[in-house]
Each structure stands twice: as structure tokens, then as C-alpha cells.
Amino acid sequence: MIVLDIEASGVNYEKHSIVSIGAFDFDDPTNRFYEECRIWDGAHIQDEALEVNGFTREEITDPNKKSEGEVITLFLDWAEKIHDRTLVGQNVSFDRDYTKAAAERAGINWILAYRTIDTHTLAYMHHVKAGKNIPFTKNHSALNLDAILNYVGIPEEPQPHNALTGALSHGEVASRLLYDKKLLPEFEQYDIPWLKK
């Protein structure tokens, strides 16, 4: 599986651009990918997105950075060597759709699986099977990444968000929820709460 997280200039993959991609191979967590890029010409920018990912307008429009097309090409070249290209992440359909749109803009084949494994769904199911109440806000699940990280025994993701840090967090969450196992050395110090009895 490919654990994936992207940061973008906004929330609409048709109008906005990828600004960074972080990923790793779940079966070989040392096989990691991280690249930053400038936005594609004409892409929109939302200030709220930049507040989340910490990039400045100058950084994401820097002509010296690789283009979105160059970075998506590098990412898919990296991903092509991985046997299981099923994507894993928090609301990973967002990341899937962004990488697919970037590949289309670059005129290259998108080789990843359409089906995904969403850590939100895993956490929701884990709560249900453990007989725990799902936290809600505004009449829907409040299981965002930070809530899920806390649930599996890990502190909240550092701010601003970084695509590789996000991918590492998603992968550790998936391992703990699916297998009751720690995965990455970055999180080794944190115990799995439901195993501490």
C-alpha cells in the first residue's frame, strides 16, 4: 500500500494545485517520497490552505521549484515500483483525486488504485467494534486526524502540516488500527492505548 498525503493551494483539484507530496511504502516504510513544487500556471490560491500547510505565495510560485507536472511524474515513477498501489490516508480520496488531476494536467498515465483505505473509516469502525461512542460535531463524525492520532496514542500532528509528516501519521494510524502494531520508529515511544492493560 502507498500511504499518501498531499498539501495543496486549495481544496478543489480542478482549480487548485498540489504544492507538496509525501508518501511511503507501507510494506517498506524506509521507501519514502517527498517533493515540493510550484503551482501550475493559472491555479488558484486559498489563503486558508496556506495557513494549514505553512507555504507562502512566494514559495508556491517560485519559478526555480519543480513544476506540479515534474513532481507528479517523479511521484508516479516512484510509485510504479511498488507492488500494492492501494492508497492509504485520512480522507485519502482527496489526495487520490489531486494526484489523478495533476497527472491528467501533465499528460501522463495515472497508475494508482482507485479504491482506497481511509483511516477515518478504520477509526470509525474501531470505535464501533470497541463499543465506544463516535465523537460528533455539527451532526457528523469529529474523527479528524488529530482525534484519531490521540485515539491510537500519538500526539497531534505538528503545525503547519507537512505532506511527509502527514503520510507518516496516516501510516502509523493504519498499522495500529489494522494490526494492533507500531510501524514507524518516529512513533515507537508511544504505546497503543488498548494494548496497555
C-alpha atoms as a PDB file:
ATOM      1  CA  MET A   1       0.000   0.000   0.000  1.00  0.00           C
ATOM      2  CA  ILE A   2       1.082   3.566  -0.605  1.00  0.00           C
ATOM      3  CA  VAL A   3       0.480   5.898   2.309  1.00  0.00           C
ATOM      4  CA  LEU A   4      -0.148   9.300   0.741  1.00  0.00           C
ATOM      5  CA  ASP A   5      -0.619  12.887   1.812  1.00  0.00           C
ATOM      6  CA  ILE A   6      -0.580  15.992  -0.344  1.00  0.00           C
ATOM      7  CA  GLU A   7      -0.646  19.665   0.506  1.00  0.00           C
ATOM      8  CA  ALA A   8      -2.392  21.944  -1.963  1.00  0.00           C
ATOM      9  CA  SER A   9      -3.125  25.577  -2.745  1.00  0.00           C
ATOM     10  CA  GLY A  10      -6.825  24.963  -2.032  1.00  0.00           C
ATOM     11  CA  VAL A  11      -9.483  22.273  -1.784  1.00  0.00           C
ATOM     12  CA  ASN A  12     -10.650  21.944  -5.407  1.00  0.00           C
ATOM     13  CA  TYR A  13      -8.369  19.796  -7.565  1.00  0.00           C
ATOM     14  CA  GLU A  14      -9.756  21.396 -10.741  1.00  0.00           C
ATOM     15  CA  LYS A  15      -8.871  24.967  -9.663  1.00  0.00           C
ATOM     16  CA  HIS A  16      -6.026  24.480  -7.209  1.00  0.00           C
ATOM     17  CA  SER A  17      -2.607  22.841  -7.384  1.00  0.00           C
ATOM     18  CA  ILE A  18      -0.514  20.387  -5.446  1.00  0.00           C
ATOM     19  CA  VAL A  19       2.288  22.150  -3.544  1.00  0.00           C
ATOM     20  CA  SER A  20       3.873  19.050  -1.956  1.00  0.00           C
ATOM     21  CA  ILE A  21       3.560  15.264  -1.958  1.00  0.00           C
ATOM     22  CA  GLY A  22       4.589  12.960   0.877  1.00  0.00           C
ATOM     23  CA  ALA A  23       4.315   9.185   0.686  1.00  0.00           C
ATOM     24  CA  PHE A  24       5.847   5.909   1.754  1.00  0.00           C
ATOM     25  CA  ASP A  25       5.501   2.213   1.011  1.00  0.00           C
ATOM     26  CA  PHE A  26       3.562   0.590   3.875  1.00  0.00           C
ATOM     27  CA  ASP A  27       5.386  -2.706   3.262  1.00  0.00           C
ATOM     28  CA  ASP A  28       8.811  -0.994   3.303  1.00  0.00           C
ATOM     29  CA  PRO A  29       8.487   2.177   5.414  1.00  0.00           C
ATOM     30  CA  THR A  30      12.062   3.197   4.599  1.00  0.00           C
ATOM     31  CA  ASN A  31      10.973   3.697   0.967  1.00  0.00           C
ATOM     32  CA  ARG A  32       9.764   7.290   1.185  1.00  0.00           C
ATOM     33  CA  PHE A  33       8.926  10.100  -1.217  1.00  0.00           C
ATOM     34  CA  TYR A  34       8.785  13.842  -0.583  1.00  0.00           C
ATOM     35  CA  GLU A  35       8.813  16.691  -3.088  1.00  0.00           C
ATOM     36  CA  GLU A  36       7.595  20.280  -3.183  1.00  0.00           C
ATOM     37  CA  CYS A  37       6.536  22.123  -6.320  1.00  0.00           C
ATOM     38  CA  ARG A  38       5.275  25.384  -7.691  1.00  0.00           C
ATOM     39  CA  ILE A  39       1.627  25.613  -8.652  1.00  0.00           C
ATOM     40  CA  TRP A  40       0.563  25.214 -12.262  1.00  0.00           C
ATOM     41  CA  ASP A  41       0.068  28.418 -14.247  1.00  0.00           C
ATOM     42  CA  GLY A  42      -3.391  29.801 -13.536  1.00  0.00           C
ATOM     43  CA  ALA A  43      -4.023  27.708 -10.405  1.00  0.00           C
ATOM     44  CA  HIS A  44      -5.983  29.478  -7.687  1.00  0.00           C
ATOM     45  CA  ILE A  45      -4.642  30.045  -4.181  1.00  0.00           C
ATOM     46  CA  GLN A  46      -6.697  29.999  -0.966  1.00  0.00           C
ATOM     47  CA  ASP A  47      -5.150  31.817   1.977  1.00  0.00           C
ATOM     48  CA  GLU A  48      -6.774  29.282   4.330  1.00  0.00           C
ATOM     49  CA  ALA A  49      -4.887  26.439   2.615  1.00  0.00           C
ATOM     50  CA  LEU A  50      -1.580  28.260   3.051  1.00  0.00           C
ATOM     51  CA  GLU A  51      -2.364  28.750   6.749  1.00  0.00           C
ATOM     52  CA  VAL A  52      -2.719  24.965   7.064  1.00  0.00           C
ATOM     53  CA  ASN A  53       0.386  23.943   5.091  1.00  0.00           C
ATOM     54  CA  GLY A  54       2.651  26.854   6.018  1.00  0.00           C
ATOM     55  CA  PHE A  55       3.738  27.700   2.473  1.00  0.00           C
ATOM     56  CA  THR A  56       3.845  31.303   1.275  1.00  0.00           C
ATOM     57  CA  ARG A  57       2.596  32.574  -2.070  1.00  0.00           C
ATOM     58  CA  GLU A  58       6.214  33.260  -2.995  1.00  0.00           C
ATOM     59  CA  GLU A  59       7.235  29.663  -2.237  1.00  0.00           C
ATOM     60  CA  ILE A  60       4.453  28.051  -4.255  1.00  0.00           C
ATOM     61  CA  THR A  61       5.029  30.324  -7.267  1.00  0.00           C
ATOM     62  CA  ASP A  62       8.834  30.159  -7.177  1.00  0.00           C
ATOM     63  CA  PRO A  63       9.969  29.588 -10.797  1.00  0.00           C
ATOM     64  CA  ASN A  64      13.063  27.768  -9.500  1.00  0.00           C
ATOM     65  CA  LYS A  65      10.940  24.985  -7.995  1.00  0.00           C
ATOM     66  CA  LYS A  66       9.907  21.939  -9.972  1.00  0.00           C
ATOM     67  CA  SER A  67       6.512  22.221 -11.633  1.00  0.00           C
ATOM     68  CA  GLU A  68       3.484  20.253 -10.475  1.00  0.00           C
ATOM     69  CA  GLY A  69       3.874  18.166 -13.636  1.00  0.00           C
ATOM     70  CA  GLU A  70       7.517  17.346 -12.880  1.00  0.00           C
ATOM     71  CA  VAL A  71       6.719  16.359  -9.300  1.00  0.00           C
ATOM     72  CA  ILE A  72       3.711  14.185 -10.200  1.00  0.00           C
ATOM     73  CA  THR A  73       5.907  12.456 -12.793  1.00  0.00           C
ATOM     74  CA  LEU A  74       8.582  11.772 -10.160  1.00  0.00           C
ATOM     75  CA  PHE A  75       5.948  10.528  -7.719  1.00  0.00           C
ATOM     76  CA  LEU A  76       4.335   8.145 -10.197  1.00  0.00           C
ATOM     77  CA  ASP A  77       7.774   6.867 -11.295  1.00  0.00           C
ATOM     78  CA  TRP A  78       8.472   6.140  -7.607  1.00  0.00           C
ATOM     79  CA  ALA A  79       5.034   4.541  -7.101  1.00  0.00           C
ATOM     80  CA  GLU A  80       5.388   2.327 -10.191  1.00  0.00           C
ATOM     81  CA  LYS A  81       7.995   0.224  -8.359  1.00  0.00           C
ATOM     82  CA  ILE A  82       5.552  -0.608  -5.528  1.00  0.00           C
ATOM     83  CA  HIS A  83       3.542  -3.817  -5.876  1.00  0.00           C
ATOM     84  CA  ASP A  84       0.415  -2.750  -3.948  1.00  0.00           C
ATOM     85  CA  ARG A  85      -0.612   0.710  -5.147  1.00  0.00           C
ATOM     86  CA  THR A  86      -3.723   0.939  -2.983  1.00  0.00           C
ATOM     87  CA  LEU A  87      -3.718   4.368  -1.344  1.00  0.00           C
ATOM     88  CA  VAL A  88      -3.974   4.792   2.429  1.00  0.00           C
ATOM     89  CA  GLY A  89      -4.615   8.044   4.303  1.00  0.00           C
ATOM     90  CA  GLN A  90      -7.024  10.313   6.125  1.00  0.00           C
ATOM     91  CA  ASN A  91      -9.780  11.240   3.655  1.00  0.00           C
ATOM     92  CA  VAL A  92      -7.392   9.872   1.036  1.00  0.00           C
ATOM     93  CA  SER A  93      -9.888  10.294  -1.793  1.00  0.00           C
ATOM     94  CA  PHE A  94      -8.855  13.983  -1.651  1.00  0.00           C
ATOM     95  CA  ASP A  95      -5.215  13.021  -2.271  1.00  0.00           C
ATOM     96  CA  ARG A  96      -6.184  10.430  -4.897  1.00  0.00           C
ATOM     97  CA  ASP A  97      -8.249  12.939  -6.862  1.00  0.00           C
ATOM     98  CA  TYR A  98      -5.499  15.575  -6.668  1.00  0.00           C
ATOM     99  CA  THR A  99      -2.798  13.215  -7.942  1.00  0.00           C
ATOM    100  CA  LYS A 100      -5.091  11.991 -10.721  1.00  0.00           C
ATOM    101  CA  ALA A 101      -5.900  15.563 -11.811  1.00  0.00           C
ATOM    102  CA  ALA A 102      -2.194  16.518 -11.698  1.00  0.00           C
ATOM    103  CA  ALA A 103      -1.310  13.511 -13.874  1.00  0.00           C
ATOM    104  CA  GLU A 104      -4.019  14.478 -16.369  1.00  0.00           C
ATOM    105  CA  ARG A 105      -2.729  18.074 -16.485  1.00  0.00           C
ATOM    106  CA  ALA A 106       0.781  16.696 -17.114  1.00  0.00           C
ATOM    107  CA  GLY A 107      -0.472  14.337 -19.832  1.00  0.00           C
ATOM    108  CA  ILE A 108       0.790  11.188 -18.105  1.00  0.00           C
ATOM    109  CA  ASN A 109      -0.879   7.945 -17.070  1.00  0.00           C
ATOM    110  CA  TRP A 110      -2.206   7.758 -13.518  1.00  0.00           C
ATOM    111  CA  ILE A 111      -1.256   4.264 -12.304  1.00  0.00           C
ATOM    112  CA  LEU A 112      -2.665   4.202  -8.778  1.00  0.00           C
ATOM    113  CA  ALA A 113      -5.631   2.235  -7.493  1.00  0.00           C
ATOM    114  CA  TYR A 114      -8.984   3.995  -7.430  1.00  0.00           C
ATOM    115  CA  ARG A 115     -10.083   2.070  -4.324  1.00  0.00           C
ATOM    116  CA  THR A 116      -8.600   3.439  -1.121  1.00  0.00           C
ATOM    117  CA  ILE A 117      -8.215   2.680   2.575  1.00  0.00           C
ATOM    118  CA  ASP A 118      -9.391   5.648   4.623  1.00  0.00           C
ATOM    119  CA  THR A 119      -8.060   5.965   8.177  1.00  0.00           C
ATOM    120  CA  HIS A 120     -11.252   7.818   9.167  1.00  0.00           C
ATOM    121  CA  THR A 121     -13.285   4.742   8.237  1.00  0.00           C
ATOM    122  CA  LEU A 122     -10.845   2.472  10.086  1.00  0.00           C
ATOM    123  CA  ALA A 123     -11.100   4.625  13.221  1.00  0.00           C
ATOM    124  CA  TYR A 124     -14.893   4.789  12.993  1.00  0.00           C
ATOM    125  CA  MET A 125     -15.065   1.001  12.705  1.00  0.00           C
ATOM    126  CA  HIS A 126     -12.585   0.559  15.566  1.00  0.00           C
ATOM    127  CA  HIS A 127     -14.769   2.724  17.818  1.00  0.00           C
ATOM    128  CA  VAL A 128     -17.877   0.745  16.892  1.00  0.00           C
ATOM    129  CA  LYS A 129     -16.220  -2.648  17.452  1.00  0.00           C
ATOM    130  CA  ALA A 130     -14.811  -1.485  20.815  1.00  0.00           C
ATOM    131  CA  GLY A 131     -18.229  -0.214  21.918  1.00  0.00           C
ATOM    132  CA  LYS A 132     -17.012   3.391  22.117  1.00  0.00           C
ATOM    133  CA  ASN A 133     -19.100   6.422  21.210  1.00  0.00           C
ATOM    134  CA  ILE A 134     -18.161   8.200  17.996  1.00  0.00           C
ATOM    135  CA  PRO A 135     -17.378  11.866  18.733  1.00  0.00           C
ATOM    136  CA  PHE A 136     -19.653  14.172  16.741  1.00  0.00           C
ATOM    137  CA  THR A 137     -19.631  17.827  15.792  1.00  0.00           C
ATOM    138  CA  LYS A 138     -22.310  19.564  13.708  1.00  0.00           C
ATOM    139  CA  ASN A 139     -24.100  16.225  13.230  1.00  0.00           C
ATOM    140  CA  HIS A 140     -21.164  14.356  11.687  1.00  0.00           C
ATOM    141  CA  SER A 141     -18.105  12.433  12.792  1.00  0.00           C
ATOM    142  CA  ALA A 142     -15.434  14.511  14.541  1.00  0.00           C
ATOM    143  CA  LEU A 143     -12.757  11.877  13.892  1.00  0.00           C
ATOM    144  CA  ASN A 144     -10.273  14.193  12.192  1.00  0.00           C
ATOM    145  CA  LEU A 145      -6.593  13.235  12.005  1.00  0.00           C
ATOM    146  CA  ASP A 146      -5.688  14.772  15.361  1.00  0.00           C
ATOM    147  CA  ALA A 147      -8.574  12.989  17.122  1.00  0.00           C
ATOM    148  CA  ILE A 148      -7.528   9.692  15.538  1.00  0.00           C
ATOM    149  CA  LEU A 149      -3.858  10.207  16.409  1.00  0.00           C
ATOM    150  CA  ASN A 150      -4.871  10.763  20.036  1.00  0.00           C
ATOM    151  CA  TYR A 151      -7.130   7.693  19.896  1.00  0.00           C
ATOM    152  CA  VAL A 152      -4.208   5.487  18.807  1.00  0.00           C
ATOM    153  CA  GLY A 153      -1.875   7.053  21.411  1.00  0.00           C
ATOM    154  CA  ILE A 154       0.038   9.623  19.344  1.00  0.00           C
ATOM    155  CA  PRO A 155       0.217  13.413  19.861  1.00  0.00           C
ATOM    156  CA  GLU A 156      -1.437  15.717  17.357  1.00  0.00           C
ATOM    157  CA  GLU A 157       0.264  16.392  14.023  1.00  0.00           C
ATOM    158  CA  PRO A 158       2.705  19.316  14.205  1.00  0.00           C
ATOM    159  CA  GLN A 159       1.640  22.631  12.650  1.00  0.00           C
ATOM    160  CA  PRO A 160       1.908  23.697   9.900  1.00  0.00           C
ATOM    161  CA  HIS A 161       1.019  20.481   8.110  1.00  0.00           C
ATOM    162  CA  ASN A 162       3.749  18.779   6.102  1.00  0.00           C
ATOM    163  CA  ALA A 163       2.898  16.161   3.480  1.00  0.00           C
ATOM    164  CA  LEU A 164       5.523  13.650   4.635  1.00  0.00           C
ATOM    165  CA  THR A 165       4.691  14.125   8.323  1.00  0.00           C
ATOM    166  CA  GLY A 166       1.050  13.618   7.385  1.00  0.00           C
ATOM    167  CA  ALA A 167       1.791  10.442   5.442  1.00  0.00           C
ATOM    168  CA  LEU A 168       3.829   9.052   8.350  1.00  0.00           C
ATOM    169  CA  SER A 169       0.960   9.821  10.720  1.00  0.00           C
ATOM    170  CA  HIS A 170      -1.587   8.141   8.412  1.00  0.00           C
ATOM    171  CA  GLY A 171       0.569   5.039   8.079  1.00  0.00           C
ATOM    172  CA  GLU A 172       1.125   4.667  11.808  1.00  0.00           C
ATOM    173  CA  VAL A 173      -2.609   5.096  12.422  1.00  0.00           C
ATOM    174  CA  ALA A 174      -3.422   2.447   9.804  1.00  0.00           C
ATOM    175  CA  SER A 175      -0.954  -0.041  11.300  1.00  0.00           C
ATOM    176  CA  ARG A 176      -2.284   0.406  14.810  1.00  0.00           C
ATOM    177  CA  LEU A 177      -5.940   0.170  13.763  1.00  0.00           C
ATOM    178  CA  LEU A 178      -5.497  -2.723  11.321  1.00  0.00           C
ATOM    179  CA  TYR A 179      -2.840  -4.827  13.050  1.00  0.00           C
ATOM    180  CA  ASP A 180      -2.519  -3.556  16.647  1.00  0.00           C
ATOM    181  CA  LYS A 181       1.149  -2.935  15.771  1.00  0.00           C
ATOM    182  CA  LYS A 182       3.510   0.003  15.769  1.00  0.00           C
ATOM    183  CA  LEU A 183       5.050   0.651  12.361  1.00  0.00           C
ATOM    184  CA  LEU A 184       7.463   3.571  12.317  1.00  0.00           C
ATOM    185  CA  PRO A 185      10.437   4.481  14.525  1.00  0.00           C
ATOM    186  CA  GLU A 186       9.096   8.056  14.722  1.00  0.00           C
ATOM    187  CA  PHE A 187       6.221   6.779  16.889  1.00  0.00           C
ATOM    188  CA  GLU A 188       7.886   3.890  18.746  1.00  0.00           C
ATOM    189  CA  GLN A 189       7.818   5.746  22.075  1.00  0.00           C
ATOM    190  CA  TYR A 190       4.016   5.972  22.062  1.00  0.00           C
ATOM    191  CA  ASP A 191       2.088   2.988  23.386  1.00  0.00           C
ATOM    192  CA  ILE A 192      -1.091   1.699  21.771  1.00  0.00           C
ATOM    193  CA  PRO A 193      -3.777   2.576  24.369  1.00  0.00           C
ATOM    194  CA  TRP A 194      -5.967  -0.517  24.040  1.00  0.00           C
ATOM    195  CA  LEU A 195      -2.947  -2.828  24.477  1.00  0.00           C
ATOM    196  CA  LYS A 196      -1.837  -1.219  27.797  1.00  0.00           C
ATOM    197  CA  LYS A 197      -3.835  -3.452  30.137  1.00  0.00           C
END
